Amino acid sequence: MTSTIEATATWVRVCEVRDLEPGWGEVALLGSDQVALVHLGGDEVYAVDHLDPHTGAPVMARGITGSRGDRPTIASPLHKEVYDLVTGECYTNGALSLRTFAARVVDGAIEVEVRAA
């Protein structure tokens, strides 16, 4: 007999969109997780782990935003690894990945999906 643990998702209201400057990251504390929020304009928001996957340093909110084709990216401010903001895939080092969180804008506020087992 096998058992499965089902994760439940909760959307947490983090801040107002107007509190973030487009193209720059800010950090939010969600439980014990430090999450880097990135607002690229309009309703385009992303949430990723604030910890740099290469060094473990809490710096990703200070990363450099950009794109690869039509894919939004963030580069670590330390070693410049480039990550896809949607999938967390590292374009410059296949051994690394950045944890991502679902994010959305609801009534002018940014909400981030938090999963609990």
N, C-alpha and C. Protein backbone atom coordinates (compact mmCIF):
# COMPACT_ATOMS: atom_id res chain seq x y z
N MET A 1 0.84 -1.17 0.00
CA MET A 1 0.00 0.00 0.00
C MET A 1 0.89 1.25 0.00
N THR A 2 0.60 2.16 -0.88
CA THR A 2 1.37 3.40 -0.93
C THR A 2 0.49 4.55 -0.48
N SER A 3 1.12 5.51 0.11
CA SER A 3 0.37 6.71 0.50
C SER A 3 0.94 7.89 -0.25
N THR A 4 0.12 8.85 -0.51
CA THR A 4 0.57 10.07 -1.15
C THR A 4 0.24 11.24 -0.24
N ILE A 5 1.11 12.19 -0.28
CA ILE A 5 0.88 13.42 0.48
C ILE A 5 0.38 14.45 -0.52
N GLU A 6 -0.78 14.97 -0.24
CA GLU A 6 -1.34 15.98 -1.12
C GLU A 6 -0.94 17.36 -0.61
N ALA A 7 -0.50 18.19 -1.51
CA ALA A 7 -0.14 19.55 -1.15
C ALA A 7 -1.36 20.44 -1.32
N THR A 8 -1.56 21.32 -0.39
CA THR A 8 -2.63 22.29 -0.52
C THR A 8 -2.02 23.64 -0.85
N ALA A 9 -2.69 24.36 -1.70
CA ALA A 9 -2.18 25.66 -2.13
C ALA A 9 -3.00 26.77 -1.48
N THR A 10 -2.29 27.80 -1.08
CA THR A 10 -2.92 28.98 -0.51
C THR A 10 -2.31 30.19 -1.19
N TRP A 11 -3.15 31.12 -1.60
CA TRP A 11 -2.65 32.37 -2.19
C TRP A 11 -2.51 33.38 -1.07
N VAL A 12 -1.31 33.97 -0.96
CA VAL A 12 -1.01 34.94 0.08
C VAL A 12 -0.85 36.31 -0.55
N ARG A 13 -1.59 37.27 -0.05
CA ARG A 13 -1.47 38.65 -0.52
C ARG A 13 -0.19 39.23 0.06
N VAL A 14 0.71 39.71 -0.82
CA VAL A 14 2.04 40.12 -0.38
C VAL A 14 2.18 41.65 -0.31
N CYS A 15 1.80 42.32 -1.38
CA CYS A 15 1.93 43.78 -1.42
C CYS A 15 1.10 44.31 -2.59
N GLU A 16 1.01 45.60 -2.67
CA GLU A 16 0.35 46.24 -3.80
C GLU A 16 1.33 46.31 -4.97
N VAL A 17 0.83 46.16 -6.18
CA VAL A 17 1.68 46.26 -7.37
C VAL A 17 2.40 47.61 -7.39
N ARG A 18 1.71 48.65 -7.00
CA ARG A 18 2.30 49.99 -7.03
C ARG A 18 3.48 50.14 -6.06
N ASP A 19 3.64 49.20 -5.12
CA ASP A 19 4.77 49.23 -4.19
C ASP A 19 6.07 48.77 -4.83
N LEU A 20 5.99 48.15 -6.01
CA LEU A 20 7.19 47.64 -6.68
C LEU A 20 7.51 48.48 -7.91
N GLU A 21 8.79 48.73 -8.11
CA GLU A 21 9.23 49.45 -9.29
C GLU A 21 9.44 48.44 -10.42
N PRO A 22 8.83 48.66 -11.58
CA PRO A 22 9.01 47.71 -12.69
C PRO A 22 10.48 47.50 -13.03
N GLY A 23 10.84 46.22 -13.22
CA GLY A 23 12.20 45.86 -13.59
C GLY A 23 13.12 45.60 -12.41
N TRP A 24 12.63 45.82 -11.20
CA TRP A 24 13.44 45.62 -9.99
C TRP A 24 12.78 44.60 -9.09
N GLY A 25 13.57 43.93 -8.29
CA GLY A 25 13.05 42.95 -7.35
C GLY A 25 12.96 43.50 -5.94
N GLU A 26 12.11 42.88 -5.15
CA GLU A 26 11.98 43.16 -3.72
C GLU A 26 11.80 41.82 -3.03
N VAL A 27 12.08 41.77 -1.74
CA VAL A 27 11.98 40.53 -0.99
C VAL A 27 10.73 40.54 -0.12
N ALA A 28 10.07 39.40 -0.07
CA ALA A 28 8.93 39.20 0.83
C ALA A 28 9.22 37.95 1.66
N LEU A 29 8.82 37.97 2.90
CA LEU A 29 8.97 36.82 3.76
C LEU A 29 7.63 36.10 3.82
N LEU A 30 7.61 34.86 3.32
CA LEU A 30 6.39 34.04 3.33
C LEU A 30 6.66 32.84 4.22
N GLY A 31 6.21 32.90 5.45
CA GLY A 31 6.56 31.87 6.41
C GLY A 31 8.05 31.95 6.66
N SER A 32 8.76 30.87 6.40
CA SER A 32 10.21 30.88 6.56
C SER A 32 10.94 31.07 5.23
N ASP A 33 10.20 31.26 4.14
CA ASP A 33 10.81 31.43 2.82
C ASP A 33 10.99 32.91 2.48
N GLN A 34 12.19 33.27 2.03
CA GLN A 34 12.43 34.59 1.48
C GLN A 34 12.20 34.48 -0.02
N VAL A 35 11.24 35.26 -0.52
CA VAL A 35 10.85 35.19 -1.92
C VAL A 35 11.15 36.51 -2.59
N ALA A 36 11.82 36.43 -3.74
CA ALA A 36 12.10 37.62 -4.54
C ALA A 36 10.91 37.86 -5.46
N LEU A 37 10.31 39.03 -5.36
CA LEU A 37 9.20 39.42 -6.24
C LEU A 37 9.75 40.31 -7.33
N VAL A 38 9.35 40.03 -8.56
CA VAL A 38 9.81 40.83 -9.70
C VAL A 38 8.58 41.29 -10.47
N HIS A 39 8.45 42.61 -10.61
CA HIS A 39 7.35 43.20 -11.38
C HIS A 39 7.95 43.76 -12.67
N LEU A 40 7.51 43.22 -13.80
CA LEU A 40 8.06 43.67 -15.08
C LEU A 40 7.16 44.67 -15.78
N GLY A 41 6.05 45.01 -15.17
CA GLY A 41 5.13 45.99 -15.74
C GLY A 41 3.73 45.40 -15.85
N GLY A 42 2.72 46.25 -15.79
CA GLY A 42 1.33 45.79 -15.87
C GLY A 42 1.05 44.74 -14.82
N ASP A 43 0.46 43.62 -15.27
CA ASP A 43 0.17 42.50 -14.38
C ASP A 43 1.23 41.40 -14.47
N GLU A 44 2.38 41.71 -15.05
CA GLU A 44 3.44 40.70 -15.20
C GLU A 44 4.32 40.68 -13.96
N VAL A 45 4.06 39.69 -13.09
CA VAL A 45 4.83 39.55 -11.85
C VAL A 45 5.33 38.11 -11.71
N TYR A 46 6.46 37.97 -11.06
CA TYR A 46 7.07 36.66 -10.85
C TYR A 46 7.57 36.59 -9.42
N ALA A 47 7.63 35.37 -8.91
CA ALA A 47 8.15 35.13 -7.56
C ALA A 47 9.11 33.95 -7.64
N VAL A 48 10.32 34.15 -7.13
CA VAL A 48 11.35 33.11 -7.12
C VAL A 48 12.03 33.11 -5.76
N ASP A 49 12.75 32.05 -5.47
CA ASP A 49 13.51 31.96 -4.23
C ASP A 49 14.53 33.09 -4.19
N HIS A 50 14.66 33.72 -3.04
CA HIS A 50 15.62 34.81 -2.88
C HIS A 50 17.06 34.29 -2.75
N LEU A 51 17.21 32.99 -2.45
CA LEU A 51 18.54 32.41 -2.28
C LEU A 51 19.15 32.05 -3.63
N ASP A 52 20.35 32.54 -3.87
CA ASP A 52 21.09 32.21 -5.08
C ASP A 52 21.40 30.71 -5.07
N PRO A 53 20.98 29.96 -6.10
CA PRO A 53 21.21 28.51 -6.12
C PRO A 53 22.68 28.12 -6.11
N HIS A 54 23.56 28.96 -6.61
CA HIS A 54 24.98 28.64 -6.68
C HIS A 54 25.69 28.85 -5.35
N THR A 55 25.37 29.94 -4.66
CA THR A 55 26.10 30.29 -3.44
C THR A 55 25.27 30.14 -2.16
N GLY A 56 23.95 30.14 -2.29
CA GLY A 56 23.08 30.11 -1.11
C GLY A 56 22.89 31.48 -0.48
N ALA A 57 23.48 32.51 -1.05
CA ALA A 57 23.36 33.87 -0.52
C ALA A 57 21.98 34.45 -0.85
N PRO A 58 21.38 35.20 0.07
CA PRO A 58 20.06 35.81 -0.19
C PRO A 58 20.20 37.10 -1.01
N VAL A 59 20.25 36.95 -2.34
CA VAL A 59 20.54 38.10 -3.21
C VAL A 59 19.68 38.20 -4.48
N MET A 60 18.84 37.22 -4.75
CA MET A 60 18.18 37.19 -6.06
C MET A 60 17.28 38.39 -6.32
N ALA A 61 16.72 39.00 -5.29
CA ALA A 61 15.88 40.19 -5.51
C ALA A 61 16.71 41.35 -6.06
N ARG A 62 18.02 41.28 -5.93
CA ARG A 62 18.90 42.30 -6.48
C ARG A 62 19.46 41.90 -7.83
N GLY A 63 18.90 40.84 -8.41
CA GLY A 63 19.35 40.35 -9.70
C GLY A 63 18.99 41.31 -10.83
N ILE A 64 19.55 41.03 -11.97
CA ILE A 64 19.35 41.86 -13.16
C ILE A 64 18.28 41.21 -14.02
N THR A 65 17.18 41.92 -14.26
CA THR A 65 16.11 41.37 -15.08
C THR A 65 16.41 41.59 -16.56
N GLY A 66 15.86 40.70 -17.37
CA GLY A 66 16.05 40.78 -18.81
C GLY A 66 15.19 39.75 -19.49
N SER A 67 15.66 39.25 -20.63
CA SER A 67 14.90 38.22 -21.35
C SER A 67 15.84 37.45 -22.26
N ARG A 68 15.39 36.25 -22.58
CA ARG A 68 16.01 35.41 -23.61
C ARG A 68 14.89 35.13 -24.59
N GLY A 69 14.91 35.81 -25.72
CA GLY A 69 13.78 35.72 -26.63
C GLY A 69 12.56 36.31 -25.94
N ASP A 70 11.49 35.53 -25.86
CA ASP A 70 10.28 36.02 -25.18
C ASP A 70 10.19 35.55 -23.73
N ARG A 71 11.26 34.96 -23.20
CA ARG A 71 11.29 34.42 -21.83
C ARG A 71 11.87 35.45 -20.87
N PRO A 72 11.13 35.83 -19.82
CA PRO A 72 11.67 36.77 -18.83
C PRO A 72 12.73 36.07 -17.97
N THR A 73 13.80 36.80 -17.65
CA THR A 73 14.92 36.21 -16.92
C THR A 73 15.36 37.10 -15.77
N ILE A 74 16.13 36.48 -14.88
CA ILE A 74 16.83 37.21 -13.83
C ILE A 74 18.22 36.61 -13.72
N ALA A 75 19.23 37.49 -13.62
CA ALA A 75 20.61 37.04 -13.49
C ALA A 75 21.06 37.28 -12.05
N SER A 76 21.73 36.30 -11.49
CA SER A 76 22.27 36.45 -10.15
C SER A 76 23.23 37.63 -10.12
N PRO A 77 23.14 38.47 -9.08
CA PRO A 77 24.07 39.59 -9.00
C PRO A 77 25.49 39.16 -8.60
N LEU A 78 25.66 37.91 -8.19
CA LEU A 78 26.98 37.44 -7.76
C LEU A 78 27.79 36.86 -8.90
N HIS A 79 27.29 35.79 -9.53
CA HIS A 79 28.07 35.11 -10.57
C HIS A 79 27.42 35.22 -11.95
N LYS A 80 26.34 35.96 -12.03
CA LYS A 80 25.66 36.28 -13.30
C LYS A 80 25.02 35.09 -14.00
N GLU A 81 24.73 33.98 -13.26
CA GLU A 81 23.96 32.91 -13.88
C GLU A 81 22.59 33.47 -14.23
N VAL A 82 22.06 33.08 -15.38
CA VAL A 82 20.78 33.61 -15.87
C VAL A 82 19.71 32.54 -15.73
N TYR A 83 18.60 32.91 -15.07
CA TYR A 83 17.50 31.99 -14.79
C TYR A 83 16.22 32.45 -15.46
N ASP A 84 15.45 31.48 -15.94
CA ASP A 84 14.12 31.73 -16.49
C ASP A 84 13.19 32.03 -15.31
N LEU A 85 12.49 33.16 -15.32
CA LEU A 85 11.62 33.52 -14.21
C LEU A 85 10.36 32.65 -14.12
N VAL A 86 10.00 31.97 -15.18
CA VAL A 86 8.81 31.11 -15.16
C VAL A 86 9.15 29.71 -14.66
N THR A 87 10.21 29.12 -15.21
CA THR A 87 10.53 27.72 -14.90
C THR A 87 11.64 27.54 -13.88
N GLY A 88 12.48 28.57 -13.70
CA GLY A 88 13.63 28.46 -12.81
C GLY A 88 14.85 27.84 -13.46
N GLU A 89 14.72 27.43 -14.72
CA GLU A 89 15.84 26.82 -15.44
C GLU A 89 17.00 27.81 -15.53
N CYS A 90 18.22 27.31 -15.32
CA CYS A 90 19.41 28.15 -15.46
C CYS A 90 19.94 27.98 -16.88
N TYR A 91 20.02 29.08 -17.62
CA TYR A 91 20.50 29.03 -18.99
C TYR A 91 22.01 28.88 -19.09
N THR A 92 22.73 29.29 -18.04
CA THR A 92 24.18 29.31 -18.11
C THR A 92 24.86 28.17 -17.38
N ASN A 93 24.09 27.40 -16.59
CA ASN A 93 24.65 26.25 -15.88
C ASN A 93 23.52 25.25 -15.64
N GLY A 94 23.47 24.21 -16.44
CA GLY A 94 22.39 23.22 -16.37
C GLY A 94 22.26 22.50 -15.05
N ALA A 95 23.29 22.56 -14.20
CA ALA A 95 23.24 21.90 -12.90
C ALA A 95 22.47 22.72 -11.86
N LEU A 96 22.15 23.97 -12.19
CA LEU A 96 21.47 24.85 -11.25
C LEU A 96 20.03 25.09 -11.66
N SER A 97 19.16 25.35 -10.70
CA SER A 97 17.80 25.80 -10.98
C SER A 97 17.33 26.64 -9.81
N LEU A 98 16.43 27.54 -10.10
CA LEU A 98 15.89 28.48 -9.13
C LEU A 98 14.45 28.09 -8.84
N ARG A 99 14.12 27.96 -7.56
CA ARG A 99 12.74 27.59 -7.19
C ARG A 99 11.81 28.75 -7.54
N THR A 100 10.69 28.43 -8.16
CA THR A 100 9.72 29.44 -8.56
C THR A 100 8.41 29.23 -7.80
N PHE A 101 7.65 30.30 -7.71
CA PHE A 101 6.33 30.28 -7.08
C PHE A 101 5.35 30.92 -8.05
N ALA A 102 4.13 30.42 -8.09
CA ALA A 102 3.10 31.06 -8.92
C ALA A 102 2.78 32.42 -8.30
N ALA A 103 2.63 33.42 -9.14
CA ALA A 103 2.29 34.77 -8.69
C ALA A 103 1.23 35.34 -9.61
N ARG A 104 0.42 36.22 -9.05
CA ARG A 104 -0.64 36.85 -9.85
C ARG A 104 -0.99 38.20 -9.26
N VAL A 105 -1.69 39.00 -10.05
CA VAL A 105 -2.19 40.29 -9.58
C VAL A 105 -3.71 40.18 -9.46
N VAL A 106 -4.22 40.52 -8.27
CA VAL A 106 -5.66 40.50 -8.00
C VAL A 106 -6.02 41.83 -7.34
N ASP A 107 -6.90 42.57 -7.98
CA ASP A 107 -7.36 43.86 -7.45
C ASP A 107 -6.19 44.78 -7.07
N GLY A 108 -5.17 44.82 -7.91
CA GLY A 108 -4.04 45.70 -7.68
C GLY A 108 -3.00 45.20 -6.70
N ALA A 109 -3.18 43.98 -6.19
CA ALA A 109 -2.23 43.42 -5.22
C ALA A 109 -1.55 42.18 -5.81
N ILE A 110 -0.32 41.95 -5.38
CA ILE A 110 0.40 40.74 -5.80
C ILE A 110 0.11 39.64 -4.79
N GLU A 111 -0.27 38.48 -5.31
CA GLU A 111 -0.48 37.31 -4.50
C GLU A 111 0.49 36.23 -4.97
N VAL A 112 1.02 35.46 -4.00
CA VAL A 112 1.94 34.38 -4.28
C VAL A 112 1.35 33.10 -3.74
N GLU A 113 1.45 32.03 -4.54
CA GLU A 113 0.93 30.73 -4.13
C GLU A 113 1.95 30.03 -3.22
N VAL A 114 1.48 29.64 -2.06
CA VAL A 114 2.32 28.92 -1.10
C VAL A 114 1.74 27.53 -0.94
N ARG A 115 2.59 26.52 -1.09
CA ARG A 115 2.13 25.14 -0.97
C ARG A 115 2.59 24.56 0.36
N ALA A 116 1.69 23.88 1.01
CA ALA A 116 2.01 23.18 2.27
C ALA A 116 1.64 21.71 2.09
N ALA A 117 2.51 20.82 2.57
CA ALA A 117 2.24 19.37 2.47
C ALA A 117 1.19 18.97 3.50
